[in-house]
Amino acid sequence: MKLAMTIREASDALSLGETTIRKMIGLGQFPQPYRIGNAVRLRVSDIMEWQENIKTHPIEKKKMGRPRLAI
C-alpha cells in the first residue's frame, strides 16, 4: 500500500478536480500536503480519515468572490 500520493493521484482516486483539491487545501477543508524536495505529497492515511469525516460532517459551501450590491 502506498503511504503518499500526488494531488493528481488523489484527484483520480476521489473523483475531484486537481484545482478543487488545491482550493480545499487553501481553505483548510482538505488534509495539508507536505513537501519532499520539490515534490508535493498527500498522506494516504490523512485522505482516508478525511473521507470518513466528510461522510458524517459534510463541507459547507462558502460563497466566493465579492458580495453583490442589493438594488
PDB file of N, CA and C in Angstrom:
ATOM      1  N   MET A   1       0.843  -1.180   0.000  1.00  0.00           N
ATOM      2  CA  MET A   1       0.000   0.000   0.000  1.00  0.00           C
ATOM      3  C   MET A   1       0.889   1.246   0.000  1.00  0.00           C
ATOM      4  N   LYS A   2       0.481   2.231  -0.776  1.00  0.00           N
ATOM      5  CA  LYS A   2       1.231   3.477  -0.845  1.00  0.00           C
ATOM      6  C   LYS A   2       0.998   4.299   0.416  1.00  0.00           C
ATOM      7  N   LEU A   3       2.024   5.008   0.835  1.00  0.00           N
ATOM      8  CA  LEU A   3       1.913   5.876   2.004  1.00  0.00           C
ATOM      9  C   LEU A   3       1.581   7.302   1.619  1.00  0.00           C
ATOM     10  N   ALA A   4       1.940   7.686   0.390  1.00  0.00           N
ATOM     11  CA  ALA A   4       1.712   9.060  -0.049  1.00  0.00           C
ATOM     12  C   ALA A   4       1.318   9.057  -1.525  1.00  0.00           C
ATOM     13  N   MET A   5       0.624  10.117  -1.933  1.00  0.00           N
ATOM     14  CA  MET A   5       0.225  10.248  -3.330  1.00  0.00           C
ATOM     15  C   MET A   5       0.277  11.710  -3.744  1.00  0.00           C
ATOM     16  N   THR A   6       0.346  11.917  -5.041  1.00  0.00           N
ATOM     17  CA  THR A   6       0.355  13.275  -5.571  1.00  0.00           C
ATOM     18  C   THR A   6      -1.073  13.817  -5.576  1.00  0.00           C
ATOM     19  N   ILE A   7      -1.194  15.103  -5.825  1.00  0.00           N
ATOM     20  CA  ILE A   7      -2.525  15.705  -5.908  1.00  0.00           C
ATOM     21  C   ILE A   7      -3.277  15.125  -7.095  1.00  0.00           C
ATOM     22  N   ARG A   8      -2.584  14.848  -8.189  1.00  0.00           N
ATOM     23  CA  ARG A   8      -3.225  14.239  -9.360  1.00  0.00           C
ATOM     24  C   ARG A   8      -3.763  12.850  -9.026  1.00  0.00           C
ATOM     25  N   GLU A   9      -2.979  12.047  -8.323  1.00  0.00           N
ATOM     26  CA  GLU A   9      -3.439  10.713  -7.926  1.00  0.00           C
ATOM     27  C   GLU A   9      -4.629  10.805  -6.979  1.00  0.00           C
ATOM     28  N   ALA A  10      -4.587  11.770  -6.067  1.00  0.00           N
ATOM     29  CA  ALA A  10      -5.705  11.963  -5.144  1.00  0.00           C
ATOM     30  C   ALA A  10      -6.958  12.397  -5.895  1.00  0.00           C
ATOM     31  N   SER A  11      -6.800  13.264  -6.908  1.00  0.00           N
ATOM     32  CA  SER A  11      -7.963  13.714  -7.661  1.00  0.00           C
ATOM     33  C   SER A  11      -8.588  12.558  -8.438  1.00  0.00           C
ATOM     34  N   ASP A  12      -7.768  11.679  -8.971  1.00  0.00           N
ATOM     35  CA  ASP A  12      -8.293  10.494  -9.669  1.00  0.00           C
ATOM     36  C   ASP A  12      -9.010   9.555  -8.692  1.00  0.00           C
ATOM     37  N   ALA A  13      -8.411   9.349  -7.533  1.00  0.00           N
ATOM     38  CA  ALA A  13      -8.987   8.426  -6.546  1.00  0.00           C
ATOM     39  C   ALA A  13     -10.293   8.957  -5.957  1.00  0.00           C
ATOM     40  N   LEU A  14     -10.406  10.278  -5.809  1.00  0.00           N
ATOM     41  CA  LEU A  14     -11.577  10.869  -5.165  1.00  0.00           C
ATOM     42  C   LEU A  14     -12.605  11.414  -6.147  1.00  0.00           C
ATOM     43  N   SER A  15     -12.287  11.369  -7.430  1.00  0.00           N
ATOM     44  CA  SER A  15     -13.162  11.945  -8.472  1.00  0.00           C
ATOM     45  C   SER A  15     -13.404  13.431  -8.229  1.00  0.00           C
ATOM     46  N   LEU A  16     -12.350  14.124  -7.839  1.00  0.00           N
ATOM     47  CA  LEU A  16     -12.374  15.574  -7.666  1.00  0.00           C
ATOM     48  C   LEU A  16     -11.311  16.155  -8.590  1.00  0.00           C
ATOM     49  N   GLY A  17     -11.520  17.378  -9.028  1.00  0.00           N
ATOM     50  CA  GLY A  17     -10.521  18.030  -9.851  1.00  0.00           C
ATOM     51  C   GLY A  17      -9.312  18.456  -9.031  1.00  0.00           C
ATOM     52  N   GLU A  18      -8.164  18.543  -9.709  1.00  0.00           N
ATOM     53  CA  GLU A  18      -6.957  18.987  -9.018  1.00  0.00           C
ATOM     54  C   GLU A  18      -7.135  20.397  -8.465  1.00  0.00           C
ATOM     55  N   THR A  19      -7.770  21.266  -9.246  1.00  0.00           N
ATOM     56  CA  THR A  19      -7.996  22.640  -8.796  1.00  0.00           C
ATOM     57  C   THR A  19      -8.896  22.663  -7.573  1.00  0.00           C
ATOM     58  N   THR A  20      -9.910  21.811  -7.550  1.00  0.00           N
ATOM     59  CA  THR A  20     -10.811  21.734  -6.401  1.00  0.00           C
ATOM     60  C   THR A  20     -10.044  21.322  -5.156  1.00  0.00           C
ATOM     61  N   ILE A  21      -9.182  20.330  -5.287  1.00  0.00           N
ATOM     62  CA  ILE A  21      -8.394  19.878  -4.141  1.00  0.00           C
ATOM     63  C   ILE A  21      -7.476  20.997  -3.664  1.00  0.00           C
ATOM     64  N   ARG A  22      -6.833  21.701  -4.594  1.00  0.00           N
ATOM     65  CA  ARG A  22      -5.942  22.799  -4.210  1.00  0.00           C
ATOM     66  C   ARG A  22      -6.714  23.913  -3.488  1.00  0.00           C
ATOM     67  N   LYS A  23      -7.926  24.230  -3.977  1.00  0.00           N
ATOM     68  CA  LYS A  23      -8.747  25.243  -3.310  1.00  0.00           C
ATOM     69  C   LYS A  23      -9.144  24.789  -1.915  1.00  0.00           C
ATOM     70  N   MET A  24      -9.520  23.514  -1.791  1.00  0.00           N
ATOM     71  CA  MET A  24      -9.920  22.989  -0.486  1.00  0.00           C
ATOM     72  C   MET A  24      -8.744  22.991   0.490  1.00  0.00           C
ATOM     73  N   ILE A  25      -7.544  22.711   0.002  1.00  0.00           N
ATOM     74  CA  ILE A  25      -6.351  22.773   0.848  1.00  0.00           C
ATOM     75  C   ILE A  25      -6.159  24.202   1.343  1.00  0.00           C
ATOM     76  N   GLY A  26      -6.306  25.165   0.437  1.00  0.00           N
ATOM     77  CA  GLY A  26      -6.151  26.572   0.800  1.00  0.00           C
ATOM     78  C   GLY A  26      -7.174  27.041   1.817  1.00  0.00           C
ATOM     79  N   LEU A  27      -8.381  26.472   1.752  1.00  0.00           N
ATOM     80  CA  LEU A  27      -9.450  26.841   2.682  1.00  0.00           C
ATOM     81  C   LEU A  27      -9.399  26.036   3.983  1.00  0.00           C
ATOM     82  N   GLY A  28      -8.476  25.078   4.058  1.00  0.00           N
ATOM     83  CA  GLY A  28      -8.368  24.246   5.253  1.00  0.00           C
ATOM     84  C   GLY A  28      -9.420  23.157   5.326  1.00  0.00           C
ATOM     85  N   GLN A  29     -10.011  22.794   4.185  1.00  0.00           N
ATOM     86  CA  GLN A  29     -11.063  21.782   4.150  1.00  0.00           C
ATOM     87  C   GLN A  29     -10.540  20.420   3.685  1.00  0.00           C
ATOM     88  N   PHE A  30      -9.236  20.309   3.486  1.00  0.00           N
ATOM     89  CA  PHE A  30      -8.628  19.080   2.980  1.00  0.00           C
ATOM     90  C   PHE A  30      -7.299  18.909   3.712  1.00  0.00           C
ATOM     91  N   PRO A  31      -6.844  17.683   3.902  1.00  0.00           N
ATOM     92  CA  PRO A  31      -5.566  17.475   4.604  1.00  0.00           C
ATOM     93  C   PRO A  31      -4.416  18.254   3.950  1.00  0.00           C
ATOM     94  N   GLN A  32      -3.555  18.815   4.772  1.00  0.00           N
ATOM     95  CA  GLN A  32      -2.422  19.590   4.287  1.00  0.00           C
ATOM     96  C   GLN A  32      -1.366  18.667   3.671  1.00  0.00           C
ATOM     97  N   PRO A  33      -0.835  19.060   2.526  1.00  0.00           N
ATOM     98  CA  PRO A  33       0.237  18.272   1.904  1.00  0.00           C
ATOM     99  C   PRO A  33       1.578  18.566   2.570  1.00  0.00           C
ATOM    100  N   TYR A  34       2.566  17.776   2.237  1.00  0.00           N
ATOM    101  CA  TYR A  34       3.928  18.030   2.690  1.00  0.00           C
ATOM    102  C   TYR A  34       4.862  17.949   1.496  1.00  0.00           C
ATOM    103  N   ARG A  35       6.040  18.477   1.636  1.00  0.00           N
ATOM    104  CA  ARG A  35       7.000  18.514   0.543  1.00  0.00           C
ATOM    105  C   ARG A  35       8.172  17.579   0.818  1.00  0.00           C
ATOM    106  N   ILE A  36       8.604  16.933  -0.249  1.00  0.00           N
ATOM    107  CA  ILE A  36       9.852  16.175  -0.251  1.00  0.00           C
ATOM    108  C   ILE A  36      10.644  16.780  -1.400  1.00  0.00           C
ATOM    109  N   GLY A  37      11.570  17.672  -1.084  1.00  0.00           N
ATOM    110  CA  GLY A  37      12.268  18.424  -2.127  1.00  0.00           C
ATOM    111  C   GLY A  37      11.256  19.332  -2.813  1.00  0.00           C
ATOM    112  N   ASN A  38      11.117  19.184  -4.130  1.00  0.00           N
ATOM    113  CA  ASN A  38      10.138  19.966  -4.876  1.00  0.00           C
ATOM    114  C   ASN A  38       8.802  19.243  -5.022  1.00  0.00           C
ATOM    115  N   ALA A  39       8.742  17.993  -4.610  1.00  0.00           N
ATOM    116  CA  ALA A  39       7.535  17.184  -4.775  1.00  0.00           C
ATOM    117  C   ALA A  39       6.539  17.458  -3.654  1.00  0.00           C
ATOM    118  N   VAL A  40       5.265  17.596  -4.015  1.00  0.00           N
ATOM    119  CA  VAL A  40       4.188  17.795  -3.044  1.00  0.00           C
ATOM    120  C   VAL A  40       3.431  16.478  -2.927  1.00  0.00           C
ATOM    121  N   ARG A  41       3.246  15.996  -1.714  1.00  0.00           N
ATOM    122  CA  ARG A  41       2.581  14.719  -1.487  1.00  0.00           C
ATOM    123  C   ARG A  41       1.516  14.856  -0.408  1.00  0.00           C
ATOM    124  N   LEU A  42       0.508  13.982  -0.499  1.00  0.00           N
ATOM    125  CA  LEU A  42      -0.554  13.878   0.497  1.00  0.00           C
ATOM    126  C   LEU A  42      -0.456  12.498   1.133  1.00  0.00           C
ATOM    127  N   ARG A  43      -0.631  12.435   2.431  1.00  0.00           N
ATOM    128  CA  ARG A  43      -0.604  11.141   3.119  1.00  0.00           C
ATOM    129  C   ARG A  43      -1.910  10.396   2.836  1.00  0.00           C
ATOM    130  N   VAL A  44      -1.797   9.147   2.447  1.00  0.00           N
ATOM    131  CA  VAL A  44      -2.976   8.333   2.150  1.00  0.00           C
ATOM    132  C   VAL A  44      -3.830   8.176   3.404  1.00  0.00           C
ATOM    133  N   SER A  45      -3.207   8.011   4.556  1.00  0.00           N
ATOM    134  CA  SER A  45      -3.959   7.850   5.806  1.00  0.00           C
ATOM    135  C   SER A  45      -4.769   9.110   6.118  1.00  0.00           C
ATOM    136  N   ASP A  46      -4.200  10.294   5.840  1.00  0.00           N
ATOM    137  CA  ASP A  46      -4.931  11.545   6.067  1.00  0.00           C
ATOM    138  C   ASP A  46      -6.140  11.647   5.144  1.00  0.00           C
ATOM    139  N   ILE A  47      -5.973  11.214   3.892  1.00  0.00           N
ATOM    140  CA  ILE A  47      -7.076  11.275   2.930  1.00  0.00           C
ATOM    141  C   ILE A  47      -8.181  10.304   3.321  1.00  0.00           C
ATOM    142  N   MET A  48      -7.804   9.099   3.761  1.00  0.00           N
ATOM    143  CA  MET A  48      -8.808   8.119   4.170  1.00  0.00           C
ATOM    144  C   MET A  48      -9.582   8.623   5.395  1.00  0.00           C
ATOM    145  N   GLU A  49      -8.872   9.242   6.334  1.00  0.00           N
ATOM    146  CA  GLU A  49      -9.522   9.807   7.520  1.00  0.00           C
ATOM    147  C   GLU A  49     -10.462  10.947   7.115  1.00  0.00           C
ATOM    148  N   TRP A  50     -10.018  11.789   6.172  1.00  0.00           N
ATOM    149  CA  TRP A  50     -10.845  12.892   5.675  1.00  0.00           C
ATOM    150  C   TRP A  50     -12.116  12.347   5.033  1.00  0.00           C
ATOM    151  N   GLN A  51     -11.997  11.255   4.256  1.00  0.00           N
ATOM    152  CA  GLN A  51     -13.172  10.646   3.617  1.00  0.00           C
ATOM    153  C   GLN A  51     -14.182  10.175   4.650  1.00  0.00           C
ATOM    154  N   GLU A  52     -13.719   9.578   5.721  1.00  0.00           N
ATOM    155  CA  GLU A  52     -14.625   9.111   6.768  1.00  0.00           C
ATOM    156  C   GLU A  52     -15.314  10.295   7.457  1.00  0.00           C
ATOM    157  N   ASN A  53     -14.556  11.347   7.719  1.00  0.00           N
ATOM    158  CA  ASN A  53     -15.123  12.519   8.389  1.00  0.00           C
ATOM    159  C   ASN A  53     -16.120  13.252   7.496  1.00  0.00           C
ATOM    160  N   ILE A  54     -15.871  13.274   6.211  1.00  0.00           N
ATOM    161  CA  ILE A  54     -16.745  14.009   5.286  1.00  0.00           C
ATOM    162  C   ILE A  54     -18.116  13.347   5.192  1.00  0.00           C
ATOM    163  N   LYS A  55     -18.168  12.049   5.438  1.00  0.00           N
ATOM    164  CA  LYS A  55     -19.455  11.343   5.402  1.00  0.00           C
ATOM    165  C   LYS A  55     -20.371  11.810   6.535  1.00  0.00           C
ATOM    166  N   THR A  56     -19.783  12.078   7.697  1.00  0.00           N
ATOM    167  CA  THR A  56     -20.583  12.474   8.855  1.00  0.00           C
ATOM    168  C   THR A  56     -20.694  13.986   9.012  1.00  0.00           C
ATOM    169  N   HIS A  57     -19.724  14.726   8.482  1.00  0.00           N
ATOM    170  CA  HIS A  57     -19.710  16.190   8.592  1.00  0.00           C
ATOM    171  C   HIS A  57     -19.460  16.799   7.215  1.00  0.00           C
ATOM    172  N   PRO A  58     -20.481  16.950   6.379  1.00  0.00           N
ATOM    173  CA  PRO A  58     -20.271  17.497   5.036  1.00  0.00           C
ATOM    174  C   PRO A  58     -19.726  18.927   5.079  1.00  0.00           C
ATOM    175  N   ILE A  59     -19.006  19.286   4.044  1.00  0.00           N
ATOM    176  CA  ILE A  59     -18.421  20.622   3.941  1.00  0.00           C
ATOM    177  C   ILE A  59     -19.492  21.602   3.509  1.00  0.00           C
ATOM    178  N   GLU A  60     -19.557  22.727   4.214  1.00  0.00           N
ATOM    179  CA  GLU A  60     -20.487  23.786   3.814  1.00  0.00           C
ATOM    180  C   GLU A  60     -19.827  24.585   2.704  1.00  0.00           C
ATOM    181  N   LYS A  61     -20.595  24.866   1.658  1.00  0.00           N
ATOM    182  CA  LYS A  61     -20.052  25.652   0.566  1.00  0.00           C
ATOM    183  C   LYS A  61     -19.999  27.111   0.973  1.00  0.00           C
ATOM    184  N   LYS A  62     -18.862  27.722   0.737  1.00  0.00           N
ATOM    185  CA  LYS A  62     -18.693  29.143   1.019  1.00  0.00           C
ATOM    186  C   LYS A  62     -18.821  29.889  -0.297  1.00  0.00           C
ATOM    187  N   LYS A  63     -19.495  31.017  -0.246  1.00  0.00           N
ATOM    188  CA  LYS A  63     -19.608  31.834  -1.439  1.00  0.00           C
ATOM    189  C   LYS A  63     -18.280  32.531  -1.671  1.00  0.00           C
ATOM    190  N   MET A  64     -17.792  32.423  -2.877  1.00  0.00           N
ATOM    191  CA  MET A  64     -16.517  33.024  -3.235  1.00  0.00           C
ATOM    192  C   MET A  64     -16.772  34.340  -3.964  1.00  0.00           C
ATOM    193  N   GLY A  65     -15.787  35.190  -3.946  1.00  0.00           N
ATOM    194  CA  GLY A  65     -15.889  36.444  -4.677  1.00  0.00           C
ATOM    195  C   GLY A  65     -16.440  37.556  -3.811  1.00  0.00           C
ATOM    196  N   ARG A  66     -16.633  38.679  -4.427  1.00  0.00           N
ATOM    197  CA  ARG A  66     -17.124  39.829  -3.682  1.00  0.00           C
ATOM    198  C   ARG A  66     -18.653  39.787  -3.580  1.00  0.00           C
ATOM    199  N   PRO A  67     -19.193  40.355  -2.513  1.00  0.00           N
ATOM    200  CA  PRO A  67     -20.653  40.366  -2.380  1.00  0.00           C
ATOM    201  C   PRO A  67     -21.295  41.293  -3.425  1.00  0.00           C
ATOM    202  N   ARG A  68     -22.454  40.944  -3.861  1.00  0.00           N
ATOM    203  CA  ARG A  68     -23.190  41.743  -4.845  1.00  0.00           C
ATOM    204  C   ARG A  68     -23.970  42.839  -4.133  1.00  0.00           C
ATOM    205  N   LEU A  69     -24.155  43.942  -4.810  1.00  0.00           N
ATOM    206  CA  LEU A  69     -24.921  45.046  -4.241  1.00  0.00           C
ATOM    207  C   LEU A  69     -26.406  44.799  -4.429  1.00  0.00           C
ATOM    208  N   ALA A  70     -27.140  45.000  -3.375  1.00  0.00           N
ATOM    209  CA  ALA A  70     -28.592  44.848  -3.456  1.00  0.00           C
ATOM    210  C   ALA A  70     -29.189  46.164  -3.992  1.00  0.00           C
ATOM    211  N   ILE A  71     -30.005  46.038  -5.002  1.00  0.00           N
ATOM    212  CA  ILE A  71     -30.618  47.249  -5.597  1.00  0.00           C
ATOM    213  C   ILE A  71     -32.096  47.231  -5.332  1.00  0.00           C
TER     214      ILE A  71
END
